[in-house]
Amino acid sequence: MISNEHPSPFRRWPHLPQRPSSWSNLPPKPPVNEDTLKSSQIQIERKIFVLTLKENMRGRLLRITEDINGRRNSIIIPSTGLVEFKKLLEEMIQASNELQSPNSPPVNPE
């Protein structure tokens, strides 16, 4: 039998638990008031990255949004993790430079 129902997005990853049916009965979460403290964007190839430092009642956060032809994906990093995130990013830049292929230019950390 073929079902016309869309599968749960959680089924893409079978190791994750099934989405509880009670979630559909919950009201939507109210929007969180966030103040934008600083925002910058950069275009790399055909992607646009927007980095926005925000603050809400739970603290500060960095939202990194990737926009590819109108399709957006975001990650949020609490400000308490920014130093560790920077350290890991620097390690990735160093690894990229060490593993440099002849066709790609080196990454220049500032």
PDB file of N, CA and C in Angstrom:
ATOM      1  N   MET A   1       0.844  -1.186   0.000  1.00  0.00           N
ATOM      2  CA  MET A   1       0.000   0.000   0.000  1.00  0.00           C
ATOM      3  C   MET A   1       0.886   1.245   0.000  1.00  0.00           C
ATOM      4  N   ILE A   2       0.558   2.199  -0.843  1.00  0.00           N
ATOM      5  CA  ILE A   2       1.322   3.439  -0.939  1.00  0.00           C
ATOM      6  C   ILE A   2       0.608   4.502  -0.131  1.00  0.00           C
ATOM      7  N   SER A   3       1.369   5.183   0.686  1.00  0.00           N
ATOM      8  CA  SER A   3       0.807   6.227   1.533  1.00  0.00           C
ATOM      9  C   SER A   3       1.113   7.589   0.930  1.00  0.00           C
ATOM     10  N   ASN A   4       0.138   8.488   0.984  1.00  0.00           N
ATOM     11  CA  ASN A   4       0.345   9.857   0.513  1.00  0.00           C
ATOM     12  C   ASN A   4       0.857  10.766   1.614  1.00  0.00           C
ATOM     13  N   GLU A   5       0.985  10.236   2.825  1.00  0.00           N
ATOM     14  CA  GLU A   5       1.466  11.044   3.939  1.00  0.00           C
ATOM     15  C   GLU A   5       2.958  11.283   3.787  1.00  0.00           C
ATOM     16  N   HIS A   6       3.374  12.477   4.177  1.00  0.00           N
ATOM     17  CA  HIS A   6       4.800  12.774   4.171  1.00  0.00           C
ATOM     18  C   HIS A   6       5.416  12.131   5.397  1.00  0.00           C
ATOM     19  N   PRO A   7       6.541  11.459   5.229  1.00  0.00           N
ATOM     20  CA  PRO A   7       7.174  10.845   6.387  1.00  0.00           C
ATOM     21  C   PRO A   7       7.678  11.909   7.347  1.00  0.00           C
ATOM     22  N   SER A   8       7.757  11.546   8.588  1.00  0.00           N
ATOM     23  CA  SER A   8       8.300  12.446   9.592  1.00  0.00           C
ATOM     24  C   SER A   8       9.745  12.756   9.247  1.00  0.00           C
ATOM     25  N   PRO A   9      10.175  14.020   9.387  1.00  0.00           N
ATOM     26  CA  PRO A   9      11.573  14.326   9.101  1.00  0.00           C
ATOM     27  C   PRO A   9      12.525  13.566  10.021  1.00  0.00           C
ATOM     28  N   PHE A  10      12.035  13.119  11.166  1.00  0.00           N
ATOM     29  CA  PHE A  10      12.878  12.368  12.088  1.00  0.00           C
ATOM     30  C   PHE A  10      13.205  10.980  11.532  1.00  0.00           C
ATOM     31  N   ARG A  11      12.445  10.492  10.578  1.00  0.00           N
ATOM     32  CA  ARG A  11      12.701   9.161  10.032  1.00  0.00           C
ATOM     33  C   ARG A  11      13.898   9.155   9.096  1.00  0.00           C
ATOM     34  N   ARG A  12      14.351  10.324   8.687  1.00  0.00           N
ATOM     35  CA  ARG A  12      15.565  10.384   7.886  1.00  0.00           C
ATOM     36  C   ARG A  12      16.749   9.841   8.674  1.00  0.00           C
ATOM     37  N   TRP A  13      16.649   9.975   9.979  1.00  0.00           N
ATOM     38  CA  TRP A  13      17.693   9.503  10.870  1.00  0.00           C
ATOM     39  C   TRP A  13      17.070   8.475  11.808  1.00  0.00           C
ATOM     40  N   PRO A  14      17.079   7.211  11.417  1.00  0.00           N
ATOM     41  CA  PRO A  14      16.357   6.193  12.182  1.00  0.00           C
ATOM     42  C   PRO A  14      16.855   6.012  13.610  1.00  0.00           C
ATOM     43  N   HIS A  15      18.067   6.469  13.902  1.00  0.00           N
ATOM     44  CA  HIS A  15      18.574   6.319  15.265  1.00  0.00           C
ATOM     45  C   HIS A  15      17.928   7.314  16.235  1.00  0.00           C
ATOM     46  N   LEU A  16      17.243   8.332  15.699  1.00  0.00           N
ATOM     47  CA  LEU A  16      16.560   9.297  16.558  1.00  0.00           C
ATOM     48  C   LEU A  16      15.184   8.766  16.937  1.00  0.00           C
ATOM     49  N   PRO A  17      14.694   9.147  18.107  1.00  0.00           N
ATOM     50  CA  PRO A  17      13.370   8.653  18.523  1.00  0.00           C
ATOM     51  C   PRO A  17      12.270   9.197  17.635  1.00  0.00           C
ATOM     52  N   GLN A  18      11.181   8.463  17.557  1.00  0.00           N
ATOM     53  CA  GLN A  18      10.007   8.895  16.794  1.00  0.00           C
ATOM     54  C   GLN A  18       9.441  10.157  17.434  1.00  0.00           C
ATOM     55  N   ARG A  19       8.996  11.075  16.617  1.00  0.00           N
ATOM     56  CA  ARG A  19       8.401  12.317  17.118  1.00  0.00           C
ATOM     57  C   ARG A  19       7.115  11.989  17.869  1.00  0.00           C
ATOM     58  N   PRO A  20       6.982  12.450  19.104  1.00  0.00           N
ATOM     59  CA  PRO A  20       5.759  12.159  19.858  1.00  0.00           C
ATOM     60  C   PRO A  20       4.527  12.773  19.205  1.00  0.00           C
ATOM     61  N   SER A  21       3.441  12.041  19.160  1.00  0.00           N
ATOM     62  CA  SER A  21       2.213  12.559  18.555  1.00  0.00           C
ATOM     63  C   SER A  21       1.646  13.713  19.369  1.00  0.00           C
ATOM     64  N   SER A  22       2.014  13.794  20.651  1.00  0.00           N
ATOM     65  CA  SER A  22       1.505  14.886  21.501  1.00  0.00           C
ATOM     66  C   SER A  22       2.040  16.234  21.062  1.00  0.00           C
ATOM     67  N   TRP A  23       3.146  16.273  20.277  1.00  0.00           N
ATOM     68  CA  TRP A  23       3.692  17.546  19.819  1.00  0.00           C
ATOM     69  C   TRP A  23       2.702  18.288  18.939  1.00  0.00           C
ATOM     70  N   SER A  24       1.893  17.572  18.190  1.00  0.00           N
ATOM     71  CA  SER A  24       0.961  18.244  17.291  1.00  0.00           C
ATOM     72  C   SER A  24      -0.133  18.969  18.070  1.00  0.00           C
ATOM     73  N   ASN A  25      -0.327  18.615  19.341  1.00  0.00           N
ATOM     74  CA  ASN A  25      -1.347  19.260  20.164  1.00  0.00           C
ATOM     75  C   ASN A  25      -0.829  20.499  20.883  1.00  0.00           C
ATOM     76  N   LEU A  26       0.475  20.750  20.819  1.00  0.00           N
ATOM     77  CA  LEU A  26       1.054  21.888  21.523  1.00  0.00           C
ATOM     78  C   LEU A  26       0.846  23.167  20.726  1.00  0.00           C
ATOM     79  N   PRO A  27       0.574  24.269  21.418  1.00  0.00           N
ATOM     80  CA  PRO A  27       0.459  25.547  20.701  1.00  0.00           C
ATOM     81  C   PRO A  27       1.842  25.991  20.235  1.00  0.00           C
ATOM     82  N   PRO A  28       1.907  26.805  19.189  1.00  0.00           N
ATOM     83  CA  PRO A  28       3.216  27.281  18.730  1.00  0.00           C
ATOM     84  C   PRO A  28       3.879  28.137  19.802  1.00  0.00           C
ATOM     85  N   LYS A  29       5.190  28.092  19.831  1.00  0.00           N
ATOM     86  CA  LYS A  29       5.930  28.905  20.799  1.00  0.00           C
ATOM     87  C   LYS A  29       5.808  30.376  20.414  1.00  0.00           C
ATOM     88  N   PRO A  30       5.671  31.249  21.408  1.00  0.00           N
ATOM     89  CA  PRO A  30       5.632  32.679  21.084  1.00  0.00           C
ATOM     90  C   PRO A  30       7.011  33.132  20.616  1.00  0.00           C
ATOM     91  N   PRO A  31       7.064  34.133  19.749  1.00  0.00           N
ATOM     92  CA  PRO A  31       8.368  34.612  19.294  1.00  0.00           C
ATOM     93  C   PRO A  31       9.158  35.197  20.459  1.00  0.00           C
ATOM     94  N   VAL A  32      10.471  35.025  20.399  1.00  0.00           N
ATOM     95  CA  VAL A  32      11.359  35.555  21.430  1.00  0.00           C
ATOM     96  C   VAL A  32      11.832  36.923  20.975  1.00  0.00           C
ATOM     97  N   ASN A  33      11.701  37.900  21.865  1.00  0.00           N
ATOM     98  CA  ASN A  33      12.199  39.238  21.535  1.00  0.00           C
ATOM     99  C   ASN A  33      13.715  39.227  21.583  1.00  0.00           C
ATOM    100  N   GLU A  34      14.329  39.611  20.462  1.00  0.00           N
ATOM    101  CA  GLU A  34      15.777  39.662  20.373  1.00  0.00           C
ATOM    102  C   GLU A  34      16.198  41.036  19.889  1.00  0.00           C
ATOM    103  N   ASP A  35      17.223  41.571  20.523  1.00  0.00           N
ATOM    104  CA  ASP A  35      17.813  42.828  20.074  1.00  0.00           C
ATOM    105  C   ASP A  35      19.046  42.511  19.250  1.00  0.00           C
ATOM    106  N   THR A  36      19.175  43.139  18.095  1.00  0.00           N
ATOM    107  CA  THR A  36      20.347  42.965  17.252  1.00  0.00           C
ATOM    108  C   THR A  36      21.411  43.946  17.712  1.00  0.00           C
ATOM    109  N   LEU A  37      22.574  43.415  18.110  1.00  0.00           N
ATOM    110  CA  LEU A  37      23.672  44.249  18.582  1.00  0.00           C
ATOM    111  C   LEU A  37      24.634  44.601  17.449  1.00  0.00           C
ATOM    112  N   LYS A  38      24.834  43.659  16.523  1.00  0.00           N
ATOM    113  CA  LYS A  38      25.722  43.889  15.386  1.00  0.00           C
ATOM    114  C   LYS A  38      25.387  42.861  14.324  1.00  0.00           C
ATOM    115  N   SER A  39      25.516  43.260  13.062  1.00  0.00           N
ATOM    116  CA  SER A  39      25.243  42.348  11.969  1.00  0.00           C
ATOM    117  C   SER A  39      26.196  42.648  10.816  1.00  0.00           C
ATOM    118  N   SER A  40      26.729  41.584  10.219  1.00  0.00           N
ATOM    119  CA  SER A  40      27.614  41.720   9.058  1.00  0.00           C
ATOM    120  C   SER A  40      27.331  40.581   8.103  1.00  0.00           C
ATOM    121  N   GLN A  41      27.650  40.805   6.832  1.00  0.00           N
ATOM    122  CA  GLN A  41      27.464  39.730   5.863  1.00  0.00           C
ATOM    123  C   GLN A  41      28.664  39.654   4.939  1.00  0.00           C
ATOM    124  N   ILE A  42      28.846  38.454   4.383  1.00  0.00           N
ATOM    125  CA  ILE A  42      29.941  38.198   3.463  1.00  0.00           C
ATOM    126  C   ILE A  42      29.430  37.253   2.384  1.00  0.00           C
ATOM    127  N   GLN A  43      29.873  37.489   1.150  1.00  0.00           N
ATOM    128  CA  GLN A  43      29.524  36.576   0.065  1.00  0.00           C
ATOM    129  C   GLN A  43      30.762  35.765  -0.278  1.00  0.00           C
ATOM    130  N   ILE A  44      30.605  34.435  -0.282  1.00  0.00           N
ATOM    131  CA  ILE A  44      31.666  33.514  -0.655  1.00  0.00           C
ATOM    132  C   ILE A  44      31.095  32.634  -1.754  1.00  0.00           C
ATOM    133  N   GLU A  45      31.679  32.782  -2.934  1.00  0.00           N
ATOM    134  CA  GLU A  45      31.172  32.108  -4.122  1.00  0.00           C
ATOM    135  C   GLU A  45      29.698  32.486  -4.288  1.00  0.00           C
ATOM    136  N   ARG A  46      28.773  31.514  -4.339  1.00  0.00           N
ATOM    137  CA  ARG A  46      27.364  31.880  -4.539  1.00  0.00           C
ATOM    138  C   ARG A  46      26.567  31.878  -3.237  1.00  0.00           C
ATOM    139  N   LYS A  47      27.273  31.778  -2.109  1.00  0.00           N
ATOM    140  CA  LYS A  47      26.612  31.766  -0.806  1.00  0.00           C
ATOM    141  C   LYS A  47      26.789  33.111  -0.119  1.00  0.00           C
ATOM    142  N   ILE A  48      25.752  33.511   0.592  1.00  0.00           N
ATOM    143  CA  ILE A  48      25.834  34.715   1.416  1.00  0.00           C
ATOM    144  C   ILE A  48      25.715  34.259   2.865  1.00  0.00           C
ATOM    145  N   PHE A  49      26.661  34.685   3.692  1.00  0.00           N
ATOM    146  CA  PHE A  49      26.633  34.376   5.116  1.00  0.00           C
ATOM    147  C   PHE A  49      26.344  35.658   5.878  1.00  0.00           C
ATOM    148  N   VAL A  50      25.363  35.602   6.771  1.00  0.00           N
ATOM    149  CA  VAL A  50      25.023  36.742   7.607  1.00  0.00           C
ATOM    150  C   VAL A  50      25.310  36.336   9.040  1.00  0.00           C
ATOM    151  N   LEU A  51      26.173  37.101   9.718  1.00  0.00           N
ATOM    152  CA  LEU A  51      26.486  36.866  11.118  1.00  0.00           C
ATOM    153  C   LEU A  51      25.834  37.980  11.917  1.00  0.00           C
ATOM    154  N   THR A  52      24.997  37.587  12.871  1.00  0.00           N
ATOM    155  CA  THR A  52      24.255  38.560  13.652  1.00  0.00           C
ATOM    156  C   THR A  52      24.431  38.264  15.127  1.00  0.00           C
ATOM    157  N   LEU A  53      24.967  39.253  15.853  1.00  0.00           N
ATOM    158  CA  LEU A  53      25.085  39.150  17.304  1.00  0.00           C
ATOM    159  C   LEU A  53      23.794  39.688  17.892  1.00  0.00           C
ATOM    160  N   LYS A  54      23.126  38.845  18.662  1.00  0.00           N
ATOM    161  CA  LYS A  54      21.821  39.215  19.223  1.00  0.00           C
ATOM    162  C   LYS A  54      21.829  39.031  20.727  1.00  0.00           C
ATOM    163  N   GLU A  55      20.828  39.613  21.356  1.00  0.00           N
ATOM    164  CA  GLU A  55      20.652  39.445  22.802  1.00  0.00           C
ATOM    165  C   GLU A  55      19.169  39.270  23.079  1.00  0.00           C
ATOM    166  N   ASN A  56      18.851  38.305  23.936  1.00  0.00           N
ATOM    167  CA  ASN A  56      17.472  38.125  24.377  1.00  0.00           C
ATOM    168  C   ASN A  56      17.482  37.919  25.890  1.00  0.00           C
ATOM    169  N   MET A  57      16.357  37.569  26.454  1.00  0.00           N
ATOM    170  CA  MET A  57      16.276  37.465  27.915  1.00  0.00           C
ATOM    171  C   MET A  57      17.146  36.339  28.471  1.00  0.00           C
ATOM    172  N   ARG A  58      17.563  35.391  27.629  1.00  0.00           N
ATOM    173  CA  ARG A  58      18.417  34.296  28.101  1.00  0.00           C
ATOM    174  C   ARG A  58      19.902  34.588  27.920  1.00  0.00           C
ATOM    175  N   GLY A  59      20.253  35.652  27.205  1.00  0.00           N
ATOM    176  CA  GLY A  59      21.651  36.007  27.022  1.00  0.00           C
ATOM    177  C   GLY A  59      21.962  36.396  25.594  1.00  0.00           C
ATOM    178  N   ARG A  60      23.252  36.420  25.283  1.00  0.00           N
ATOM    179  CA  ARG A  60      23.714  36.782  23.936  1.00  0.00           C
ATOM    180  C   ARG A  60      23.963  35.538  23.116  1.00  0.00           C
ATOM    181  N   LEU A  61      23.856  35.724  21.791  1.00  0.00           N
ATOM    182  CA  LEU A  61      24.065  34.610  20.879  1.00  0.00           C
ATOM    183  C   LEU A  61      24.540  35.137  19.547  1.00  0.00           C
ATOM    184  N   LEU A  62      25.209  34.266  18.804  1.00  0.00           N
ATOM    185  CA  LEU A  62      25.611  34.576  17.445  1.00  0.00           C
ATOM    186  C   LEU A  62      24.801  33.686  16.529  1.00  0.00           C
ATOM    187  N   ARG A  63      24.053  34.285  15.622  1.00  0.00           N
ATOM    188  CA  ARG A  63      23.296  33.530  14.627  1.00  0.00           C
ATOM    189  C   ARG A  63      24.051  33.643  13.308  1.00  0.00           C
ATOM    190  N   ILE A  64      24.389  32.497  12.724  1.00  0.00           N
ATOM    191  CA  ILE A  64      25.055  32.451  11.425  1.00  0.00           C
ATOM    192  C   ILE A  64      24.048  31.884  10.433  1.00  0.00           C
ATOM    193  N   THR A  65      23.685  32.687   9.454  1.00  0.00           N
ATOM    194  CA  THR A  65      22.694  32.276   8.460  1.00  0.00           C
ATOM    195  C   THR A  65      23.368  32.175   7.101  1.00  0.00           C
ATOM    196  N   GLU A  66      23.141  31.052   6.446  1.00  0.00           N
ATOM    197  CA  GLU A  66      23.651  30.800   5.104  1.00  0.00           C
ATOM    198  C   GLU A  66      22.470  30.952   4.153  1.00  0.00           C
ATOM    199  N   ASP A  67      22.626  31.750   3.132  1.00  0.00           N
ATOM    200  CA  ASP A  67      21.573  31.948   2.136  1.00  0.00           C
ATOM    201  C   ASP A  67      22.115  31.527   0.778  1.00  0.00           C
ATOM    202  N   ILE A  68      21.475  30.516   0.190  1.00  0.00           N
ATOM    203  CA  ILE A  68      21.849  30.064  -1.149  1.00  0.00           C
ATOM    204  C   ILE A  68      20.608  30.176  -2.019  1.00  0.00           C
ATOM    205  N   ASN A  69      20.598  31.157  -2.878  1.00  0.00           N
ATOM    206  CA  ASN A  69      19.465  31.358  -3.794  1.00  0.00           C
ATOM    207  C   ASN A  69      18.124  31.383  -3.056  1.00  0.00           C
ATOM    208  N   GLY A  70      18.059  32.081  -1.926  1.00  0.00           N
ATOM    209  CA  GLY A  70      16.809  32.211  -1.183  1.00  0.00           C
ATOM    210  C   GLY A  70      16.533  31.100  -0.191  1.00  0.00           C
ATOM    211  N   ARG A  71      17.325  30.035  -0.204  1.00  0.00           N
ATOM    212  CA  ARG A  71      17.148  28.960   0.779  1.00  0.00           C
ATOM    213  C   ARG A  71      18.071  29.254   1.951  1.00  0.00           C
ATOM    214  N   ARG A  72      17.530  29.287   3.157  1.00  0.00           N
ATOM    215  CA  ARG A  72      18.308  29.696   4.327  1.00  0.00           C
ATOM    216  C   ARG A  72      18.443  28.575   5.343  1.00  0.00           C
ATOM    217  N   ASN A  73      19.627  28.522   5.929  1.00  0.00           N
ATOM    218  CA  ASN A  73      19.912  27.638   7.047  1.00  0.00           C
ATOM    219  C   ASN A  73      20.636  28.462   8.093  1.00  0.00           C
ATOM    220  N   SER A  74      20.327  28.225   9.362  1.00  0.00           N
ATOM    221  CA  SER A  74      20.965  28.978  10.440  1.00  0.00           C
ATOM    222  C   SER A  74      21.472  28.056  11.524  1.00  0.00           C
ATOM    223  N   ILE A  75      22.541  28.509  12.170  1.00  0.00           N
ATOM    224  CA  ILE A  75      22.981  27.895  13.407  1.00  0.00           C
ATOM    225  C   ILE A  75      23.085  29.004  14.439  1.00  0.00           C
ATOM    226  N   ILE A  76      22.911  28.648  15.682  1.00  0.00           N
ATOM    227  CA  ILE A  76      22.984  29.621  16.765  1.00  0.00           C
ATOM    228  C   ILE A  76      24.033  29.146  17.753  1.00  0.00           C
ATOM    229  N   ILE A  77      24.959  30.041  18.080  1.00  0.00           N
ATOM    230  CA  ILE A  77      26.018  29.734  19.032  1.00  0.00           C
ATOM    231  C   ILE A  77      25.850  30.667  20.225  1.00  0.00           C
ATOM    232  N   PRO A  78      25.622  30.117  21.425  1.00  0.00           N
ATOM    233  CA  PRO A  78      25.556  30.980  22.614  1.00  0.00           C
ATOM    234  C   PRO A  78      26.893  31.708  22.792  1.00  0.00           C
ATOM    235  N   SER A  79      26.838  32.921  23.292  1.00  0.00           N
ATOM    236  CA  SER A  79      28.064  33.714  23.444  1.00  0.00           C
ATOM    237  C   SER A  79      29.071  33.012  24.352  1.00  0.00           C
ATOM    238  N   THR A  80      28.597  32.170  25.251  1.00  0.00           N
ATOM    239  CA  THR A  80      29.509  31.450  26.141  1.00  0.00           C
ATOM    240  C   THR A  80      30.390  30.462  25.375  1.00  0.00           C
ATOM    241  N   GLY A  81      30.043  30.135  24.133  1.00  0.00           N
ATOM    242  CA  GLY A  81      30.827  29.193  23.342  1.00  0.00           C
ATOM    243  C   GLY A  81      31.613  29.830  22.221  1.00  0.00           C
ATOM    244  N   LEU A  82      31.605  31.157  22.117  1.00  0.00           N
ATOM    245  CA  LEU A  82      32.256  31.809  20.987  1.00  0.00           C
ATOM    246  C   LEU A  82      33.775  31.648  20.991  1.00  0.00           C
ATOM    247  N   VAL A  83      34.400  31.687  22.158  1.00  0.00           N
ATOM    248  CA  VAL A  83      35.854  31.532  22.219  1.00  0.00           C
ATOM    249  C   VAL A  83      36.246  30.138  21.754  1.00  0.00           C
ATOM    250  N   GLU A  84      35.534  29.125  22.214  1.00  0.00           N
ATOM    251  CA  GLU A  84      35.812  27.748  21.792  1.00  0.00           C
ATOM    252  C   GLU A  84      35.525  27.569  20.297  1.00  0.00           C
ATOM    253  N   PHE A  85      34.460  28.202  19.805  1.00  0.00           N
ATOM    254  CA  PHE A  85      34.121  28.126  18.381  1.00  0.00           C
ATOM    255  C   PHE A  85      35.245  28.742  17.546  1.00  0.00           C
ATOM    256  N   LYS A  86      35.755  29.895  17.987  1.00  0.00           N
ATOM    257  CA  LYS A  86      36.860  30.560  17.282  1.00  0.00           C
ATOM    258  C   LYS A  86      38.097  29.668  17.283  1.00  0.00           C
ATOM    259  N   LYS A  87      38.387  29.045  18.402  1.00  0.00           N
ATOM    260  CA  LYS A  87      39.550  28.158  18.505  1.00  0.00           C
ATOM    261  C   LYS A  87      39.423  26.999  17.506  1.00  0.00           C
ATOM    262  N   LEU A  88      38.254  26.397  17.451  1.00  0.00           N
ATOM    263  CA  LEU A  88      38.028  25.290  16.529  1.00  0.00           C
ATOM    264  C   LEU A  88      38.102  25.759  15.081  1.00  0.00           C
ATOM    265  N   LEU A  89      37.571  26.932  14.784  1.00  0.00           N
ATOM    266  CA  LEU A  89      37.643  27.482  13.427  1.00  0.00           C
ATOM    267  C   LEU A  89      39.095  27.723  13.023  1.00  0.00           C
ATOM    268  N   GLU A  90      39.906  28.249  13.935  1.00  0.00           N
ATOM    269  CA  GLU A  90      41.326  28.463  13.654  1.00  0.00           C
ATOM    270  C   GLU A  90      42.035  27.138  13.383  1.00  0.00           C
ATOM    271  N   GLU A  91      41.673  26.090  14.116  1.00  0.00           N
ATOM    272  CA  GLU A  91      42.251  24.763  13.884  1.00  0.00           C
ATOM    273  C   GLU A  91      41.874  24.253  12.489  1.00  0.00           C
ATOM    274  N   MET A  92      40.646  24.504  12.064  1.00  0.00           N
ATOM    275  CA  MET A  92      40.204  24.070  10.743  1.00  0.00           C
ATOM    276  C   MET A  92      40.935  24.837   9.635  1.00  0.00           C
ATOM    277  N   ILE A  93      41.170  26.123   9.847  1.00  0.00           N
ATOM    278  CA  ILE A  93      41.921  26.924   8.872  1.00  0.00           C
ATOM    279  C   ILE A  93      43.342  26.391   8.754  1.00  0.00           C
ATOM    280  N   GLN A  94      43.969  26.104   9.881  1.00  0.00           N
ATOM    281  CA  GLN A  94      45.326  25.558   9.878  1.00  0.00           C
ATOM    282  C   GLN A  94      45.355  24.206   9.161  1.00  0.00           C
ATOM    283  N   ALA A  95      44.394  23.337   9.451  1.00  0.00           N
ATOM    284  CA  ALA A  95      44.346  22.025   8.801  1.00  0.00           C
ATOM    285  C   ALA A  95      44.133  22.180   7.300  1.00  0.00           C
ATOM    286  N   SER A  96      43.282  23.116   6.892  1.00  0.00           N
ATOM    287  CA  SER A  96      43.033  23.350   5.471  1.00  0.00           C
ATOM    288  C   SER A  96      44.306  23.799   4.768  1.00  0.00           C
ATOM    289  N   ASN A  97      45.072  24.670   5.401  1.00  0.00           N
ATOM    290  CA  ASN A  97      46.327  25.143   4.805  1.00  0.00           C
ATOM    291  C   ASN A  97      47.368  24.031   4.730  1.00  0.00           C
ATOM    292  N   GLU A  98      47.404  23.176   5.754  1.00  0.00           N
ATOM    293  CA  GLU A  98      48.371  22.075   5.766  1.00  0.00           C
ATOM    294  C   GLU A  98      48.028  21.015   4.725  1.00  0.00           C
ATOM    295  N   LEU A  99      46.745  20.843   4.453  1.00  0.00           N
ATOM    296  CA  LEU A  99      46.296  19.835   3.501  1.00  0.00           C
ATOM    297  C   LEU A  99      46.007  20.455   2.141  1.00  0.00           C
ATOM    298  N   GLN A 100      46.652  21.555   1.847  1.00  0.00           N
ATOM    299  CA  GLN A 100      46.382  22.334   0.650  1.00  0.00           C
ATOM    300  C   GLN A 100      46.547  21.511  -0.623  1.00  0.00           C
ATOM    301  N   SER A 101      45.555  21.586  -1.492  1.00  0.00           N
ATOM    302  CA  SER A 101      45.673  20.950  -2.799  1.00  0.00           C
ATOM    303  C   SER A 101      46.222  21.986  -3.781  1.00  0.00           C
ATOM    304  N   PRO A 102      46.820  21.538  -4.864  1.00  0.00           N
ATOM    305  CA  PRO A 102      47.398  22.495  -5.817  1.00  0.00           C
ATOM    306  C   PRO A 102      46.359  23.402  -6.475  1.00  0.00           C
ATOM    307  N   ASN A 103      45.083  23.005  -6.478  1.00  0.00           N
ATOM    308  CA  ASN A 103      44.044  23.789  -7.166  1.00  0.00           C
ATOM    309  C   ASN A 103      43.376  24.830  -6.290  1.00  0.00           C
ATOM    310  N   SER A 104      43.595  24.815  -4.990  1.00  0.00           N
ATOM    311  CA  SER A 104      42.887  25.767  -4.134  1.00  0.00           C
ATOM    312  C   SER A 104      43.859  26.721  -3.464  1.00  0.00           C
ATOM    313  N   PRO A 105      43.456  27.988  -3.362  1.00  0.00           N
ATOM    314  CA  PRO A 105      44.340  28.978  -2.740  1.00  0.00           C
ATOM    315  C   PRO A 105      44.391  28.774  -1.222  1.00  0.00           C
ATOM    316  N   PRO A 106      45.498  29.177  -0.567  1.00  0.00           N
ATOM    317  CA  PRO A 106      45.578  29.038   0.881  1.00  0.00           C
ATOM    318  C   PRO A 106      44.604  29.973   1.580  1.00  0.00           C
ATOM    319  N   VAL A 107      44.186  29.575   2.771  1.00  0.00           N
ATOM    320  CA  VAL A 107      43.320  30.397   3.607  1.00  0.00           C
ATOM    321  C   VAL A 107      44.224  31.333   4.392  1.00  0.00           C
ATOM    322  N   ASN A 108      43.933  32.628   4.342  1.00  0.00           N
ATOM    323  CA  ASN A 108      44.762  33.606   5.048  1.00  0.00           C
ATOM    324  C   ASN A 108      44.071  34.055   6.314  1.00  0.00           C
ATOM    325  N   PRO A 109      44.444  33.502   7.490  1.00  0.00           N
ATOM    326  CA  PRO A 109      43.837  33.977   8.736  1.00  0.00           C
ATOM    327  C   PRO A 109      44.328  35.382   9.050  1.00  0.00           C
ATOM    328  N   GLU A 110      43.440  36.161   9.615  1.00  0.00           N
ATOM    329  CA  GLU A 110      43.823  37.541   9.962  1.00  0.00           C
ATOM    330  C   GLU A 110      44.094  37.642  11.418  1.00  0.00           C
TER     331      GLU A 110
END
